[in-house]
PDB file of N, CA and C in Angstrom:
ATOM      1  N   MET A   1      86.524  -2.541 -63.007  1.00  0.00           N
ATOM      2  CA  MET A   1      87.711  -2.192 -63.764  1.00  0.00           C
ATOM      3  C   MET A   1      88.225  -0.845 -63.245  1.00  0.00           C
ATOM      4  N   THR A   2      89.505  -0.783 -62.987  1.00  0.00           N
ATOM      5  CA  THR A   2      90.093   0.462 -62.492  1.00  0.00           C
ATOM      6  C   THR A   2      90.184   1.488 -63.618  1.00  0.00           C
ATOM      7  N   GLU A   3      90.372   2.734 -63.243  1.00  0.00           N
ATOM      8  CA  GLU A   3      90.518   3.810 -64.226  1.00  0.00           C
ATOM      9  C   GLU A   3      91.729   3.549 -65.122  1.00  0.00           C
ATOM     10  N   HIS A   4      92.812   3.063 -64.526  1.00  0.00           N
ATOM     11  CA  HIS A   4      94.031   2.757 -65.277  1.00  0.00           C
ATOM     12  C   HIS A   4      93.753   1.676 -66.318  1.00  0.00           C
ATOM     13  N   ALA A   5      93.096   0.615 -65.925  1.00  0.00           N
ATOM     14  CA  ALA A   5      92.786  -0.488 -66.844  1.00  0.00           C
ATOM     15  C   ALA A   5      91.838  -0.025 -67.944  1.00  0.00           C
ATOM     16  N   LYS A   6      90.878   0.824 -67.596  1.00  0.00           N
ATOM     17  CA  LYS A   6      89.944   1.343 -68.603  1.00  0.00           C
ATOM     18  C   LYS A   6      90.680   2.194 -69.620  1.00  0.00           C
ATOM     19  N   ARG A   7      91.602   3.004 -69.147  1.00  0.00           N
ATOM     20  CA  ARG A   7      92.368   3.859 -70.069  1.00  0.00           C
ATOM     21  C   ARG A   7      93.195   3.008 -71.024  1.00  0.00           C
ATOM     22  N   ILE A   8      93.826   1.962 -70.520  1.00  0.00           N
ATOM     23  CA  ILE A   8      94.609   1.071 -71.376  1.00  0.00           C
ATOM     24  C   ILE A   8      93.706   0.420 -72.419  1.00  0.00           C
ATOM     25  N   GLU A   9      92.538  -0.042 -72.020  1.00  0.00           N
ATOM     26  CA  GLU A   9      91.600  -0.666 -72.965  1.00  0.00           C
ATOM     27  C   GLU A   9      91.155   0.326 -74.036  1.00  0.00           C
ATOM     28  N   ASP A  10      90.899   1.562 -73.648  1.00  0.00           N
ATOM     29  CA  ASP A  10      90.498   2.588 -74.617  1.00  0.00           C
ATOM     30  C   ASP A  10      91.617   2.857 -75.617  1.00  0.00           C
ATOM     31  N   ILE A  11      92.842   2.939 -75.137  1.00  0.00           N
ATOM     32  CA  ILE A  11      93.985   3.184 -76.017  1.00  0.00           C
ATOM     33  C   ILE A  11      94.183   2.002 -76.958  1.00  0.00           C
ATOM     34  N   LYS A  12      94.029   0.789 -76.453  1.00  0.00           N
ATOM     35  CA  LYS A  12      94.142  -0.399 -77.309  1.00  0.00           C
ATOM     36  C   LYS A  12      93.112  -0.364 -78.434  1.00  0.00           C
ATOM     37  N   LYS A  13      91.892   0.062 -78.122  1.00  0.00           N
ATOM     38  CA  LYS A  13      90.845   0.163 -79.148  1.00  0.00           C
ATOM     39  C   LYS A  13      91.217   1.200 -80.200  1.00  0.00           C
ATOM     40  N   GLU A  14      91.767   2.322 -79.757  1.00  0.00           N
ATOM     41  CA  GLU A  14      92.186   3.364 -80.700  1.00  0.00           C
ATOM     42  C   GLU A  14      93.310   2.860 -81.596  1.00  0.00           C
ATOM     43  N   ILE A  15      94.278   2.164 -81.017  1.00  0.00           N
ATOM     44  CA  ILE A  15      95.389   1.609 -81.789  1.00  0.00           C
ATOM     45  C   ILE A  15      94.868   0.574 -82.779  1.00  0.00           C
ATOM     46  N   ARG A  16      93.984  -0.290 -82.324  1.00  0.00           N
ATOM     47  CA  ARG A  16      93.400  -1.315 -83.198  1.00  0.00           C
ATOM     48  C   ARG A  16      92.713  -0.662 -84.399  1.00  0.00           C
ATOM     49  N   SER A  17      91.975   0.405 -84.167  1.00  0.00           N
ATOM     50  CA  SER A  17      91.291   1.117 -85.248  1.00  0.00           C
ATOM     51  C   SER A  17      92.287   1.681 -86.256  1.00  0.00           C
ATOM     52  N   LEU A  18      93.365   2.256 -85.750  1.00  0.00           N
ATOM     53  CA  LEU A  18      94.391   2.795 -86.647  1.00  0.00           C
ATOM     54  C   LEU A  18      95.032   1.689 -87.476  1.00  0.00           C
ATOM     55  N   LEU A  19      95.329   0.561 -86.848  1.00  0.00           N
ATOM     56  CA  LEU A  19      95.974  -0.540 -87.565  1.00  0.00           C
ATOM     57  C   LEU A  19      95.046  -1.148 -88.607  1.00  0.00           C
ATOM     58  N   LEU A  20      93.774  -1.256 -88.293  1.00  0.00           N
ATOM     59  CA  LEU A  20      92.816  -1.817 -89.249  1.00  0.00           C
ATOM     60  C   LEU A  20      92.609  -0.901 -90.451  1.00  0.00           C
ATOM     61  N   SER A  21      92.834   0.383 -90.270  1.00  0.00           N
ATOM     62  CA  SER A  21      92.665   1.326 -91.375  1.00  0.00           C
ATOM     63  C   SER A  21      93.905   1.405 -92.267  1.00  0.00           C
ATOM     64  N   ALA A  22      94.959   0.697 -91.903  1.00  0.00           N
ATOM     65  CA  ALA A  22      96.201   0.688 -92.684  1.00  0.00           C
ATOM     66  C   ALA A  22      96.394  -0.706 -93.280  1.00  0.00           C
ATOM     67  N   PRO A  23      95.962  -0.921 -94.521  1.00  0.00           N
ATOM     68  CA  PRO A  23      95.975  -2.269 -95.108  1.00  0.00           C
ATOM     69  C   PRO A  23      97.357  -2.926 -95.167  1.00  0.00           C
ATOM     70  N   VAL A  24      98.414  -2.134 -95.272  1.00  0.00           N
ATOM     71  CA  VAL A  24      99.755  -2.727 -95.329  1.00  0.00           C
ATOM     72  C   VAL A  24     100.474  -2.647 -93.988  1.00  0.00           C
ATOM     73  N   GLY A  25      99.753  -2.234 -92.946  1.00  0.00           N
ATOM     74  CA  GLY A  25     100.354  -2.138 -91.617  1.00  0.00           C
ATOM     75  C   GLY A  25     101.042  -0.803 -91.402  1.00  0.00           C
ATOM     76  N   LEU A  26     101.573  -0.633 -90.216  1.00  0.00           N
ATOM     77  CA  LEU A  26     102.266   0.597 -89.841  1.00  0.00           C
ATOM     78  C   LEU A  26     103.547   0.252 -89.102  1.00  0.00           C
ATOM     79  N   THR A  27     104.579   1.023 -89.358  1.00  0.00           N
ATOM     80  CA  THR A  27     105.782   0.902 -88.541  1.00  0.00           C
ATOM     81  C   THR A  27     105.490   1.587 -87.207  1.00  0.00           C
ATOM     82  N   LEU A  28     106.333   1.375 -86.236  1.00  0.00           N
ATOM     83  CA  LEU A  28     106.133   2.007 -84.934  1.00  0.00           C
ATOM     84  C   LEU A  28     106.106   3.534 -85.048  1.00  0.00           C
ATOM     85  N   PRO A  29     107.062   4.147 -85.773  1.00  0.00           N
ATOM     86  CA  PRO A  29     106.994   5.608 -85.915  1.00  0.00           C
ATOM     87  C   PRO A  29     105.719   6.075 -86.631  1.00  0.00           C
ATOM     88  N   GLU A  30     105.261   5.318 -87.622  1.00  0.00           N
ATOM     89  CA  GLU A  30     104.022   5.677 -88.316  1.00  0.00           C
ATOM     90  C   GLU A  30     102.826   5.586 -87.372  1.00  0.00           C
ATOM     91  N   LEU A  31     102.794   4.548 -86.558  1.00  0.00           N
ATOM     92  CA  LEU A  31     101.709   4.385 -85.594  1.00  0.00           C
ATOM     93  C   LEU A  31     101.692   5.554 -84.612  1.00  0.00           C
ATOM     94  N   GLU A  32     102.862   5.919 -84.098  1.00  0.00           N
ATOM     95  CA  GLU A  32     102.942   7.034 -83.150  1.00  0.00           C
ATOM     96  C   GLU A  32     102.474   8.336 -83.801  1.00  0.00           C
ATOM     97  N   LYS A  33     102.890   8.553 -85.050  1.00  0.00           N
ATOM     98  CA  LYS A  33     102.493   9.766 -85.773  1.00  0.00           C
ATOM     99  C   LYS A  33     100.987   9.770 -86.024  1.00  0.00           C
ATOM    100  N   ASP A  34     100.441   8.663 -86.534  1.00  0.00           N
ATOM    101  CA  ASP A  34      99.006   8.576 -86.814  1.00  0.00           C
ATOM    102  C   ASP A  34      98.184   8.722 -85.536  1.00  0.00           C
ATOM    103  N   TYR A  35      98.640   8.122 -84.458  1.00  0.00           N
ATOM    104  CA  TYR A  35      97.925   8.243 -83.183  1.00  0.00           C
ATOM    105  C   TYR A  35      97.837   9.715 -82.791  1.00  0.00           C
ATOM    106  N   PHE A  36      98.957  10.410 -82.903  1.00  0.00           N
ATOM    107  CA  PHE A  36      98.972  11.833 -82.557  1.00  0.00           C
ATOM    108  C   PHE A  36      98.039  12.632 -83.466  1.00  0.00           C
ATOM    109  N   LEU A  37      98.072  12.350 -84.770  1.00  0.00           N
ATOM    110  CA  LEU A  37      97.241  13.092 -85.720  1.00  0.00           C
ATOM    111  C   LEU A  37      95.746  12.855 -85.503  1.00  0.00           C
ATOM    112  N   PHE A  38      95.362  11.625 -85.211  1.00  0.00           N
ATOM    113  CA  PHE A  38      93.945  11.298 -85.103  1.00  0.00           C
ATOM    114  C   PHE A  38      93.379  11.448 -83.689  1.00  0.00           C
ATOM    115  N   ILE A  39      94.191  11.210 -82.683  1.00  0.00           N
ATOM    116  CA  ILE A  39      93.706  11.272 -81.303  1.00  0.00           C
ATOM    117  C   ILE A  39      93.997  12.644 -80.683  1.00  0.00           C
ATOM    118  N   GLY A  40      95.067  13.299 -81.141  1.00  0.00           N
ATOM    119  CA  GLY A  40      95.372  14.635 -80.650  1.00  0.00           C
ATOM    120  C   GLY A  40      96.361  14.682 -79.504  1.00  0.00           C
ATOM    121  N   GLU A  41      96.926  13.534 -79.175  1.00  0.00           N
ATOM    122  CA  GLU A  41      97.954  13.485 -78.129  1.00  0.00           C
ATOM    123  C   GLU A  41      98.888  12.322 -78.444  1.00  0.00           C
ATOM    124  N   ALA A  42     100.080  12.397 -77.885  1.00  0.00           N
ATOM    125  CA  ALA A  42     101.036  11.306 -78.070  1.00  0.00           C
ATOM    126  C   ALA A  42     100.562  10.076 -77.301  1.00  0.00           C
ATOM    127  N   LEU A  43     100.976   8.907 -77.763  1.00  0.00           N
ATOM    128  CA  LEU A  43     100.665   7.679 -77.027  1.00  0.00           C
ATOM    129  C   LEU A  43     101.220   7.823 -75.610  1.00  0.00           C
ATOM    130  N   PRO A  44     100.399   7.651 -74.594  1.00  0.00           N
ATOM    131  CA  PRO A  44     100.833   7.896 -73.215  1.00  0.00           C
ATOM    132  C   PRO A  44     101.501   6.687 -72.553  1.00  0.00           C
ATOM    133  N   SER A  45     102.398   6.023 -73.254  1.00  0.00           N
ATOM    134  CA  SER A  45     103.011   4.805 -72.712  1.00  0.00           C
ATOM    135  C   SER A  45     103.728   5.045 -71.385  1.00  0.00           C
ATOM    136  N   LYS A  46     104.500   6.122 -71.313  1.00  0.00           N
ATOM    137  CA  LYS A  46     105.248   6.387 -70.072  1.00  0.00           C
ATOM    138  C   LYS A  46     104.302   6.718 -68.919  1.00  0.00           C
ATOM    139  N   GLU A  47     103.237   7.451 -69.212  1.00  0.00           N
ATOM    140  CA  GLU A  47     102.253   7.775 -68.168  1.00  0.00           C
ATOM    141  C   GLU A  47     101.590   6.517 -67.619  1.00  0.00           C
ATOM    142  N   LEU A  48     101.516   5.489 -68.454  1.00  0.00           N
ATOM    143  CA  LEU A  48     100.879   4.238 -68.049  1.00  0.00           C
ATOM    144  C   LEU A  48     101.861   3.264 -67.400  1.00  0.00           C
ATOM    145  N   GLY A  49     103.128   3.684 -67.272  1.00  0.00           N
ATOM    146  CA  GLY A  49     104.103   2.866 -66.566  1.00  0.00           C
ATOM    147  C   GLY A  49     105.029   2.040 -67.442  1.00  0.00           C
ATOM    148  N   TYR A  50     105.043   2.311 -68.743  1.00  0.00           N
ATOM    149  CA  TYR A  50     105.915   1.572 -69.655  1.00  0.00           C
ATOM    150  C   TYR A  50     107.097   2.445 -70.045  1.00  0.00           C
ATOM    151  N   LYS A  51     108.216   1.818 -70.399  1.00  0.00           N
ATOM    152  CA  LYS A  51     109.415   2.565 -70.776  1.00  0.00           C
ATOM    153  C   LYS A  51     109.219   3.321 -72.082  1.00  0.00           C
ATOM    154  N   ASN A  52     108.513   2.692 -73.025  1.00  0.00           N
ATOM    155  CA  ASN A  52     108.316   3.288 -74.343  1.00  0.00           C
ATOM    156  C   ASN A  52     107.113   2.637 -75.022  1.00  0.00           C
ATOM    157  N   THR A  53     106.802   3.103 -76.215  1.00  0.00           N
ATOM    158  CA  THR A  53     105.639   2.588 -76.939  1.00  0.00           C
ATOM    159  C   THR A  53     105.793   1.111 -77.270  1.00  0.00           C
ATOM    160  N   GLU A  54     106.981   0.713 -77.655  1.00  0.00           N
ATOM    161  CA  GLU A  54     107.201  -0.694 -78.009  1.00  0.00           C
ATOM    162  C   GLU A  54     106.904  -1.610 -76.820  1.00  0.00           C
ATOM    163  N   GLU A  55     107.335  -1.233 -75.642  1.00  0.00           N
ATOM    164  CA  GLU A  55     107.061  -2.047 -74.452  1.00  0.00           C
ATOM    165  C   GLU A  55     105.558  -2.091 -74.163  1.00  0.00           C
ATOM    166  N   PHE A  56     104.868  -0.981 -74.370  1.00  0.00           N
ATOM    167  CA  PHE A  56     103.421  -0.941 -74.162  1.00  0.00           C
ATOM    168  C   PHE A  56     102.707  -1.897 -75.108  1.00  0.00           C
ATOM    169  N   LEU A  57     103.144  -1.899 -76.370  1.00  0.00           N
ATOM    170  CA  LEU A  57     102.500  -2.765 -77.365  1.00  0.00           C
ATOM    171  C   LEU A  57     102.833  -4.213 -77.104  1.00  0.00           C
TER     172      LEU A  57
END
């Protein structure tokens, strides 16, 4: 597995954890905010080659 693929898998796991902890779900802005609060950085969608978070998801 490449470093890029591993990073994407790690981010997916973090997102999955955030979504599972929100019983009523999260809007995209809520997900981005929670990711920043709990992980300490913004979702790196553009760094991974996507236009935005929605395209990454």
